[in-house]
Amino acid sequence: MKKRRLTLKDLKILTIILAVIILAAALFSCKTFGQKTSEENTENVAESTAAQEQQQSELSPTEINIWDSVNPKERIALMDSIEDFMGLNSAVIINSRHFRSDEELLDQFEAASLAGSGPEILLSRIEAAQRLAASSVIRPIESEIDYTSIVAGLNEISSFNGKKYVIPFRAMDFLMLFYNKELVSTVPGDFASLIEYCKEVNKPKEQIYGFLLNSKEPDWIIPFIGGYQDWIIDYNTNSITLNSQSTVKTLEFLVKIFNEDKIQPFDIEYEEINNSFKSGNTHMIINGNWAMDEYREAKLNFGVAKIPVVWEGFKNPTPMIDGIGFMLNTNYYGDKLEAAKKLIWYLMSEDVQSSWNLSTQTVSVLKNAVDSSQAKDNPILQAAMEQVKICRGKPKEDVIRVIRDAIRINFENVIKGNITPQEAVLKMQEDAIKLKSGNLKVE
C-alpha cells in the first residue's frame, strides 16, 4: 500500500490541535494552582485570627467585682489590700462597691445573683452565708481552703446543710478580760483566785472593786456555760441546749458572787462598769475587743487576757465570736472565678492578715497567727488571739435573740431567790423554744 505524504494543509491542522492541547493544559494547571493557593490563604487567615484572639485574650485583663458592708477601718484596709494586689497582678482589675448595711448588701446581691449577674465576691458577716446558700446564689467552697487552719469558733458556723459556703476572713466582737496594769501585778488564772483578790481590794463605800461583771447582758453570762463544758446550741441542728448541768453551774457561780461572797453589786450595767474601769476604780472587767481603741484614747495602761478558768472547774469560759468572710457568686466560672479565688488567697495570706491586725478592730482567723513574730512582739494582740482560739461561733441572729431573752427573763429571778438554778434552767429552755416558735413575746 502506498503511503500518503503529509500536505501543508495537514501540517496546519496538526499545529492547531497541538496548540489547543497546550492551552487546555495551561488552563487546567492555573485552576488547580489557584484552588490550592486559595485554600492555603484561608488556612493562613484562620491561623492568624486565632493567634490574634489568643494574644488579645492574654493582653486583656480579667475584671471582677467585690461588694462589702464592712466598718470604716476595715473598708480602708480592704481598699489598700486591693490596690496592693492589683500592683502585683496586672492581669486582674478589681472594682469594689461598699454598702452601708448588711441588709442592703444582701438584698441587692441576692436579687442580682438570681438575675444572673452581681459581683464575683461578697465580703459580709459569716452568718449571711446561711441565707444566701438557702437561696442558691453562692457556690459551695470545695477544696479551696483547709478549714482546719481556721479558728474553731468561726469554722463551726461556716456550714449550711453539711457544706461550707463561706471562707472566714477576720474575727471580731468577742469578750476577754481587761485589767489595769497599774493596779494588777498578776492576773488571776481562775475565778477562785479572782474572788479572793476581790475580797482583798474591794471598798464598796468608795466604789472600788477588784472585778465587775456585766450580768445584765446575757452575752456576758453565756461564756461560762462553755467553761462548764457544754453550750447553748447544737450547730448541726440549730437546737437550743440551755437545759444542761453547765447552765446550772453557771447560775450557781453567779449566785455565789452576787449573793454569797457579794464581791460586786447586782444592779450595775455596761456603761457604769466601763466608766469605773476607765477611771481606775475597778481593777478588772470583761469587755469586747472593740473597747481597746477606747481605752487607748483614754490613755489607760491596760492589759488583756483570757477570761479566767471557771469557779470549781478547769476550763476557761468560751465567749461567742463573730466574723466576716468571703462568698463566691454561683454565676461565674473560668477566668473570672479563678481571678476571684486569686484575690481571696492573697487576702488570706499571713502578710495581709498581719497588716489588718494593726489597722483594724479585727483579728486574724488563722490558728497559727498566735505564734507569729508580730503576736509575740505585741502582748495585747497575742492575748486576744489566745482568747479567739477558744471562742464559740455566734449562732444565727434569730436563734441567739431568743436565747438572750430566755436567759434575761429568768436570771434575775434566780438572784432574787424566787427560783432555784435547776428550776431556772428548765424555764429558760422552755421559754427559748416558745420564743422561737412565736408562742411567747417579750417587751
Protein backbone atom coordinates (compact mmCIF):
# COMPACT_ATOMS: atom_id res chain seq x y z
CA MET A 1 0.00 0.00 0.00
CA LYS A 2 1.34 3.33 -0.97
CA LYS A 3 1.88 5.76 1.98
CA ARG A 4 0.19 9.13 1.79
CA ARG A 5 2.50 12.10 2.25
CA LEU A 6 1.53 14.99 4.62
CA THR A 7 0.47 18.10 2.85
CA LEU A 8 0.81 21.66 4.03
CA LYS A 9 -2.85 21.64 4.93
CA ASP A 10 -2.32 18.61 7.20
CA LEU A 11 0.55 20.33 8.99
CA LYS A 12 -1.58 23.38 9.71
CA ILE A 13 -4.31 21.21 11.23
CA LEU A 14 -1.83 19.36 13.47
CA THR A 15 -0.34 22.64 14.59
CA ILE A 16 -3.77 23.94 15.59
CA ILE A 17 -4.62 20.73 17.54
CA LEU A 18 -1.31 20.86 19.39
CA ALA A 19 -1.88 24.48 20.33
CA VAL A 20 -5.32 23.68 21.67
CA ILE A 21 -3.90 20.84 23.82
CA ILE A 22 -1.16 23.06 25.23
CA LEU A 23 -3.65 25.83 26.01
CA ALA A 24 -6.03 23.44 27.77
CA ALA A 25 -3.22 22.03 29.87
CA ALA A 26 -2.14 25.51 30.88
CA LEU A 27 -5.67 26.49 31.88
CA PHE A 28 -6.10 23.33 33.98
CA SER A 29 -2.81 23.93 35.72
CA CYS A 30 -3.76 27.52 36.60
CA LYS A 31 -7.11 26.46 38.01
CA THR A 32 -5.56 23.76 40.21
CA PHE A 33 -2.87 26.12 41.47
CA GLY A 34 -5.46 28.78 42.16
CA GLN A 35 -7.56 26.43 44.23
CA LYS A 36 -4.55 25.35 46.29
CA THR A 37 -3.48 28.94 46.86
CA SER A 38 -6.99 29.89 47.98
CA GLU A 39 -7.11 27.02 50.49
CA GLU A 40 -3.70 27.94 51.85
CA ASN A 41 -4.76 31.56 52.19
CA THR A 42 -7.91 30.52 54.09
CA GLU A 43 -5.85 28.39 56.47
CA ASN A 44 -3.37 31.21 57.00
CA VAL A 45 -6.14 33.71 57.76
CA ALA A 46 -7.74 31.32 60.25
CA GLU A 47 -4.42 30.69 61.99
CA SER A 48 -3.70 34.42 62.09
CA THR A 49 -7.15 35.20 63.54
CA ALA A 50 -6.79 32.55 66.24
CA ALA A 51 -3.35 33.87 67.17
CA GLN A 52 -4.68 37.42 67.37
CA GLU A 53 -7.59 36.31 69.55
CA GLN A 54 -5.24 34.42 71.87
CA GLN A 55 -2.90 37.39 72.05
CA GLN A 56 -5.82 39.72 72.73
CA SER A 57 -7.05 37.38 75.50
CA GLU A 58 -3.61 37.36 77.07
CA LEU A 59 -3.35 41.14 76.89
CA SER A 60 -6.89 41.91 78.17
CA PRO A 61 -7.07 41.85 81.99
CA THR A 62 -9.82 39.93 83.77
CA GLU A 63 -12.23 42.30 85.51
CA ILE A 64 -14.02 41.24 88.71
CA ASN A 65 -16.16 42.92 91.37
CA ILE A 66 -16.33 42.69 95.16
CA TRP A 67 -19.16 44.04 97.32
CA ASP A 68 -18.84 44.63 101.07
CA SER A 69 -20.53 46.16 104.11
CA VAL A 70 -17.56 46.29 106.47
CA ASN A 71 -16.86 49.01 109.03
CA PRO A 72 -14.84 52.14 108.11
CA LYS A 73 -11.45 50.91 109.34
CA GLU A 74 -11.93 47.57 107.60
CA ARG A 75 -13.07 49.37 104.43
CA ILE A 76 -9.85 51.39 104.31
CA ALA A 77 -7.78 48.25 104.87
CA LEU A 78 -9.70 46.44 102.12
CA MET A 79 -9.10 49.21 99.59
CA ASP A 80 -5.38 49.27 100.45
CA SER A 81 -5.13 45.48 100.09
CA ILE A 82 -6.94 45.51 96.74
CA GLU A 83 -4.61 48.22 95.46
CA ASP A 84 -1.57 46.21 96.57
CA PHE A 85 -2.96 43.08 94.89
CA MET A 86 -3.50 44.83 91.56
CA GLY A 87 0.03 46.22 91.76
CA LEU A 88 1.26 42.63 91.88
CA ASN A 89 -1.28 41.25 89.37
CA SER A 90 -1.64 43.49 86.33
CA ALA A 91 -3.84 40.89 84.60
CA VAL A 92 -6.67 41.46 87.09
CA ILE A 93 -8.81 44.58 87.55
CA ILE A 94 -10.94 44.78 90.70
CA ASN A 95 -13.93 47.05 91.22
CA SER A 96 -15.36 47.42 94.70
CA ARG A 97 -18.70 48.65 95.99
CA HIS A 98 -19.49 49.46 99.62
CA PHE A 99 -22.91 49.17 101.26
CA ARG A 100 -23.85 50.94 104.47
CA SER A 101 -25.68 47.96 105.97
CA ASP A 102 -25.59 44.18 105.81
CA GLU A 103 -29.27 44.06 104.93
CA GLU A 104 -28.91 46.37 101.94
CA LEU A 105 -25.89 44.42 100.72
CA LEU A 106 -27.61 41.03 100.99
CA ASP A 107 -30.85 42.22 99.38
CA GLN A 108 -29.07 43.67 96.35
CA PHE A 109 -26.65 40.77 96.00
CA GLU A 110 -29.41 38.19 96.18
CA ALA A 111 -31.51 40.00 93.56
CA ALA A 112 -28.54 40.50 91.23
CA SER A 113 -27.33 36.91 91.52
CA LEU A 114 -30.80 35.47 90.89
CA ALA A 115 -30.88 37.60 87.74
CA GLY A 116 -27.59 36.07 86.59
CA SER A 117 -25.26 38.93 87.49
CA GLY A 118 -23.84 40.56 90.63
CA PRO A 119 -20.23 40.65 91.88
CA GLU A 120 -17.94 37.67 91.84
CA ILE A 121 -17.08 38.11 95.54
CA LEU A 122 -19.14 39.12 98.56
CA LEU A 123 -17.49 40.13 101.86
CA SER A 124 -20.00 40.13 104.68
CA ARG A 125 -20.86 38.67 108.09
CA ILE A 126 -20.33 34.92 108.18
CA GLU A 127 -23.96 34.42 109.18
CA ALA A 128 -25.05 35.80 105.77
CA ALA A 129 -23.86 32.60 104.09
CA GLN A 130 -26.78 30.64 105.53
CA ARG A 131 -29.38 32.94 103.96
CA LEU A 132 -27.58 33.11 100.60
CA ALA A 133 -26.87 29.38 100.46
CA ALA A 134 -30.56 28.69 101.03
CA SER A 135 -31.28 30.92 98.00
CA SER A 136 -28.64 29.08 95.90
CA VAL A 137 -26.89 32.32 94.96
CA ILE A 138 -23.45 31.39 96.34
CA ARG A 139 -21.37 28.34 95.49
CA PRO A 140 -20.12 25.73 97.96
CA ILE A 141 -16.46 26.07 98.92
CA GLU A 142 -14.89 22.76 97.96
CA SER A 143 -11.15 22.23 98.13
CA GLU A 144 -10.20 25.90 98.08
CA ILE A 145 -9.19 26.13 101.74
CA ASP A 146 -8.04 23.97 104.63
CA TYR A 147 -10.65 24.74 107.29
CA THR A 148 -8.54 23.08 109.97
CA SER A 149 -6.28 26.15 109.77
CA ILE A 150 -9.20 28.40 110.79
CA VAL A 151 -10.09 29.07 114.44
CA ALA A 152 -12.75 26.62 115.60
CA GLY A 153 -15.40 29.17 116.56
CA LEU A 154 -15.69 30.53 113.02
CA ASN A 155 -15.20 27.16 111.39
CA GLU A 156 -18.27 25.75 113.14
CA ILE A 157 -20.59 28.47 111.80
CA SER A 158 -19.35 28.31 108.20
CA SER A 159 -21.57 25.39 107.13
CA PHE A 160 -25.07 25.07 105.71
CA ASN A 161 -26.66 21.65 105.22
CA GLY A 162 -23.30 19.99 105.70
CA LYS A 163 -21.41 22.12 103.15
CA LYS A 164 -19.06 25.09 103.52
CA TYR A 165 -20.24 28.27 101.82
CA VAL A 166 -18.02 30.95 103.33
CA ILE A 167 -14.30 31.43 103.87
CA PRO A 168 -13.80 33.13 107.28
CA PHE A 169 -11.55 36.16 106.85
CA ARG A 170 -11.45 38.20 110.07
CA ALA A 171 -12.56 37.53 113.67
CA MET A 172 -14.40 40.20 115.65
CA ASP A 173 -16.79 41.03 118.50
CA PHE A 174 -15.54 38.71 121.24
CA LEU A 175 -15.14 39.17 125.00
CA MET A 176 -11.95 38.90 127.04
CA LEU A 177 -10.54 40.02 130.40
CA PHE A 178 -9.24 43.60 130.64
CA TYR A 179 -7.09 44.63 133.61
CA ASN A 180 -5.45 47.81 134.79
CA LYS A 181 -1.70 47.15 134.69
CA GLU A 182 -1.03 49.81 137.33
CA LEU A 183 -3.28 48.00 139.81
CA VAL A 184 -2.98 44.31 138.91
CA SER A 185 0.50 42.81 139.03
CA THR A 186 -0.55 39.19 138.49
CA VAL A 187 -3.72 38.32 136.61
CA PRO A 188 -5.75 35.62 138.41
CA GLY A 189 -5.74 32.40 136.42
CA ASP A 190 -9.09 31.19 137.74
CA PHE A 191 -12.22 32.63 139.31
CA ALA A 192 -11.47 31.14 142.71
CA SER A 193 -8.35 33.30 142.83
CA LEU A 194 -10.19 36.27 141.36
CA ILE A 195 -12.86 36.10 144.07
CA GLU A 196 -10.16 36.10 146.75
CA TYR A 197 -8.48 39.05 145.07
CA CYS A 198 -11.75 40.99 145.15
CA LYS A 199 -12.23 40.27 148.86
CA GLU A 200 -8.82 41.84 149.50
CA VAL A 201 -9.15 45.02 147.43
CA ASN A 202 -12.89 45.81 147.37
CA LYS A 203 -14.00 49.04 149.06
CA PRO A 204 -17.71 49.25 148.24
CA LYS A 205 -18.28 52.53 150.09
CA GLU A 206 -15.64 54.13 147.85
CA GLN A 207 -16.97 52.20 144.81
CA ILE A 208 -13.65 50.42 144.35
CA TYR A 209 -13.86 46.85 143.10
CA GLY A 210 -11.40 44.19 142.06
CA PHE A 211 -13.74 42.92 139.35
CA LEU A 212 -17.13 43.80 137.86
CA LEU A 213 -19.23 41.55 135.63
CA ASN A 214 -21.92 42.91 133.32
CA SER A 215 -24.56 40.32 134.20
CA LYS A 216 -27.37 42.47 132.76
CA GLU A 217 -26.43 41.31 129.26
CA PRO A 218 -26.65 37.55 128.56
CA ASP A 219 -23.63 37.66 126.25
CA TRP A 220 -21.52 38.08 129.40
CA ILE A 221 -23.18 35.07 131.07
CA ILE A 222 -23.12 32.65 128.13
CA PRO A 223 -19.30 32.14 128.08
CA PHE A 224 -19.44 30.46 131.50
CA ILE A 225 -21.76 27.76 130.12
CA GLY A 226 -18.96 26.88 127.71
CA GLY A 227 -16.48 26.98 130.57
CA TYR A 228 -18.52 24.29 132.30
CA GLN A 229 -18.16 22.17 129.16
CA ASP A 230 -21.48 22.50 127.39
CA TRP A 231 -23.03 25.06 125.10
CA ILE A 232 -26.20 26.93 124.24
CA ILE A 233 -26.88 25.34 120.84
CA ASP A 234 -26.23 22.31 118.65
CA TYR A 235 -24.87 23.85 115.45
CA ASN A 236 -25.79 20.86 113.29
CA THR A 237 -29.50 21.05 114.13
CA ASN A 238 -29.81 24.63 115.46
CA SER A 239 -31.41 23.08 118.55
CA ILE A 240 -31.25 25.19 121.71
CA THR A 241 -29.49 23.38 124.61
CA LEU A 242 -29.91 25.61 127.67
CA ASN A 243 -31.25 22.70 129.74
CA SER A 244 -27.87 21.40 130.91
CA GLN A 245 -25.85 20.93 134.06
CA SER A 246 -23.40 23.52 132.69
CA THR A 247 -26.10 26.18 132.76
CA VAL A 248 -26.97 25.14 136.32
CA LYS A 249 -23.31 25.51 137.36
CA THR A 250 -23.17 28.93 135.68
CA LEU A 251 -26.16 30.15 137.67
CA GLU A 252 -24.72 28.73 140.89
CA PHE A 253 -21.49 30.63 140.23
CA LEU A 254 -23.42 33.87 139.72
CA VAL A 255 -25.38 33.30 142.93
CA LYS A 256 -22.05 32.90 144.70
CA ILE A 257 -20.50 36.18 143.51
CA PHE A 258 -23.68 38.25 143.91
CA ASN A 259 -25.40 36.74 146.95
CA GLU A 260 -22.84 34.72 148.92
CA ASP A 261 -19.47 36.40 148.50
CA LYS A 262 -21.05 39.68 147.39
CA ILE A 263 -17.96 40.79 145.52
CA GLN A 264 -20.00 43.20 143.39
CA PRO A 265 -23.44 44.83 143.24
CA PHE A 266 -26.08 43.23 141.01
CA ASP A 267 -27.83 46.32 139.65
CA ILE A 268 -24.94 47.67 137.59
CA GLU A 269 -24.85 47.96 133.81
CA TYR A 270 -22.33 48.23 130.99
CA GLU A 271 -21.67 51.98 130.91
CA GLU A 272 -21.21 52.24 134.66
CA ILE A 273 -18.82 49.28 134.67
CA ASN A 274 -16.89 50.66 131.69
CA ASN A 275 -16.53 54.12 133.23
CA SER A 276 -15.44 52.64 136.55
CA PHE A 277 -12.68 50.72 134.78
CA LYS A 278 -11.50 53.76 132.81
CA SER A 279 -11.41 55.87 135.98
CA GLY A 280 -9.24 53.30 137.76
CA ASN A 281 -11.87 52.39 140.37
CA THR A 282 -12.31 48.86 139.01
CA HIS A 283 -9.24 46.69 138.52
CA MET A 284 -10.62 44.09 136.08
CA ILE A 285 -13.64 43.72 133.82
CA ILE A 286 -14.81 41.57 130.96
CA ASN A 287 -15.37 43.54 127.77
CA GLY A 288 -15.23 43.20 123.99
CA ASN A 289 -12.22 43.61 121.75
CA TRP A 290 -13.95 46.70 120.36
CA ALA A 291 -13.11 48.57 123.61
CA MET A 292 -9.34 48.56 123.03
CA ASP A 293 -9.33 51.74 120.95
CA GLU A 294 -11.48 53.47 123.56
CA TYR A 295 -9.04 52.58 126.34
CA ARG A 296 -6.05 53.66 124.28
CA GLU A 297 -7.68 57.02 123.64
CA ALA A 298 -8.30 57.33 127.38
CA LYS A 299 -4.54 56.76 127.95
CA LEU A 300 -5.33 53.76 130.13
CA ASN A 301 -2.44 51.43 130.89
CA PHE A 302 -4.33 48.20 130.33
CA GLY A 303 -3.63 44.59 129.52
CA VAL A 304 -5.83 41.77 128.24
CA ALA A 305 -6.01 38.06 128.99
CA LYS A 306 -8.23 35.06 128.53
CA ILE A 307 -11.22 35.05 130.86
CA PRO A 308 -10.05 33.05 133.93
CA VAL A 309 -10.92 29.39 134.45
CA VAL A 310 -14.42 28.92 135.86
CA TRP A 311 -15.09 28.52 139.58
CA GLU A 312 -14.98 24.85 140.61
CA GLY A 313 -13.97 23.87 137.10
CA PHE A 314 -10.88 23.52 134.94
CA LYS A 315 -11.75 25.21 131.67
CA ASN A 316 -11.77 28.84 130.53
CA PRO A 317 -15.12 30.40 129.57
CA THR A 318 -15.84 30.44 125.84
CA PRO A 319 -17.17 33.80 124.62
CA MET A 320 -19.14 33.99 121.41
CA ILE A 321 -17.30 35.25 118.35
CA ASP A 322 -18.42 36.74 115.06
CA GLY A 323 -16.55 37.42 111.84
CA ILE A 324 -16.60 38.44 108.22
CA GLY A 325 -15.90 36.12 105.32
CA PHE A 326 -15.80 35.68 101.56
CA MET A 327 -18.60 34.14 99.50
CA LEU A 328 -18.48 33.33 95.78
CA ASN A 329 -21.30 34.14 93.37
CA THR A 330 -22.66 30.98 91.75
CA ASN A 331 -22.89 32.66 88.31
CA TYR A 332 -19.18 32.81 87.46
CA TYR A 333 -16.73 30.29 86.05
CA GLY A 334 -13.44 30.24 84.16
CA ASP A 335 -11.15 33.25 84.26
CA LYS A 336 -13.43 35.34 86.49
CA LEU A 337 -13.75 32.61 89.10
CA GLU A 338 -10.00 31.98 89.07
CA ALA A 339 -9.29 35.69 89.43
CA ALA A 340 -11.72 35.89 92.36
CA LYS A 341 -10.01 32.96 94.09
CA LYS A 342 -6.61 34.51 93.48
CA LEU A 343 -7.69 37.70 95.26
CA ILE A 344 -9.10 35.73 98.20
CA TRP A 345 -5.88 33.69 98.62
CA TYR A 346 -3.93 36.93 98.63
CA LEU A 347 -6.16 38.45 101.33
CA MET A 348 -5.89 35.25 103.38
CA SER A 349 -2.08 35.34 103.31
CA GLU A 350 -0.18 35.84 106.56
CA ASP A 351 1.23 39.18 105.42
CA VAL A 352 -2.18 40.68 104.69
CA GLN A 353 -3.68 39.19 107.86
CA SER A 354 -0.84 40.77 109.84
CA SER A 355 -1.40 44.21 108.31
CA TRP A 356 -5.10 44.06 109.20
CA ASN A 357 -4.25 43.15 112.81
CA LEU A 358 -2.67 46.57 113.24
CA SER A 359 -5.05 48.73 111.19
CA THR A 360 -8.49 47.34 112.12
CA GLN A 361 -10.54 46.19 115.10
CA THR A 362 -10.43 42.61 113.85
CA VAL A 363 -8.12 39.66 114.49
CA SER A 364 -6.64 37.04 112.17
CA VAL A 365 -8.68 33.85 111.74
CA LEU A 366 -5.57 31.73 111.28
CA LYS A 367 -4.78 29.44 114.23
CA ASN A 368 -1.04 29.81 113.81
CA ALA A 369 -1.20 33.62 113.93
CA VAL A 370 -0.78 33.49 117.70
CA ASP A 371 2.73 32.09 117.18
CA SER A 372 3.78 34.76 114.67
CA SER A 373 6.59 37.20 115.44
CA GLN A 374 4.04 40.01 115.26
CA ALA A 375 1.97 38.46 118.04
CA LYS A 376 5.00 37.65 120.17
CA ASP A 377 6.09 41.29 119.97
CA ASN A 378 2.61 42.54 120.91
CA PRO A 379 1.31 41.08 124.20
CA ILE A 380 -2.18 42.55 123.80
CA LEU A 381 -2.55 41.11 120.31
CA GLN A 382 -1.21 37.74 121.41
CA ALA A 383 -3.59 37.56 124.38
CA ALA A 384 -6.52 38.48 122.11
CA MET A 385 -5.53 35.70 119.72
CA GLU A 386 -5.33 33.23 122.60
CA GLN A 387 -8.90 34.16 123.54
CA VAL A 388 -10.07 33.87 119.92
CA LYS A 389 -8.79 30.29 119.72
CA ILE A 390 -11.25 29.09 122.38
CA CYS A 391 -14.29 31.18 121.42
CA ARG A 392 -17.50 29.60 120.12
CA GLY A 393 -19.29 30.76 116.99
CA LYS A 394 -22.15 33.20 117.47
CA PRO A 395 -25.43 31.48 116.45
CA LYS A 396 -27.75 32.97 113.84
CA GLU A 397 -29.38 36.22 114.91
CA ASP A 398 -32.89 34.78 115.21
CA VAL A 399 -31.59 31.97 117.44
CA ILE A 400 -29.29 33.99 119.68
CA ARG A 401 -32.05 36.57 120.19
CA VAL A 402 -34.39 34.06 121.83
CA ILE A 403 -31.55 32.56 123.88
CA ARG A 404 -30.67 36.01 125.22
CA ASP A 405 -34.29 36.76 126.06
CA ALA A 406 -34.81 33.39 127.79
CA ILE A 407 -31.73 33.95 129.98
CA ARG A 408 -32.59 37.57 130.74
CA ILE A 409 -36.17 37.00 131.90
CA ASN A 410 -35.17 34.16 134.24
CA PHE A 411 -31.73 35.07 135.57
CA GLU A 412 -32.93 37.92 137.79
CA ASN A 413 -35.42 35.59 139.50
CA VAL A 414 -32.52 33.31 140.43
CA ILE A 415 -30.54 36.15 142.04
CA LYS A 416 -33.65 37.34 143.88
CA GLY A 417 -34.19 33.81 145.19
CA ASN A 418 -37.56 33.35 143.51
CA ILE A 419 -36.46 30.14 141.74
CA THR A 420 -33.52 27.75 142.04
CA PRO A 421 -30.84 27.40 139.34
CA GLN A 422 -32.27 23.96 138.46
CA GLU A 423 -35.77 25.41 138.03
CA ALA A 424 -34.44 28.38 136.08
CA VAL A 425 -32.64 26.16 133.57
CA LEU A 426 -35.83 24.25 132.76
CA LYS A 427 -37.69 27.54 132.41
CA MET A 428 -35.00 29.02 130.17
CA GLN A 429 -35.19 26.07 127.80
CA GLU A 430 -38.98 26.18 127.73
CA ASP A 431 -39.10 29.94 127.19
CA ALA A 432 -36.48 29.84 124.44
CA ILE A 433 -38.49 27.26 122.49
CA LYS A 434 -41.69 29.27 122.95
CA LEU A 435 -39.96 32.47 121.88
CA LYS A 436 -38.54 30.77 118.80
CA SER A 437 -41.96 29.43 117.79
CA GLY A 438 -43.68 32.75 118.47
CA ASN A 439 -45.77 31.44 121.36
CA LEU A 440 -44.12 33.80 123.84
CA LYS A 441 -43.45 37.53 123.48
CA VAL A 442 -41.08 39.76 125.44
CA GLU A 443 -41.22 43.51 125.73
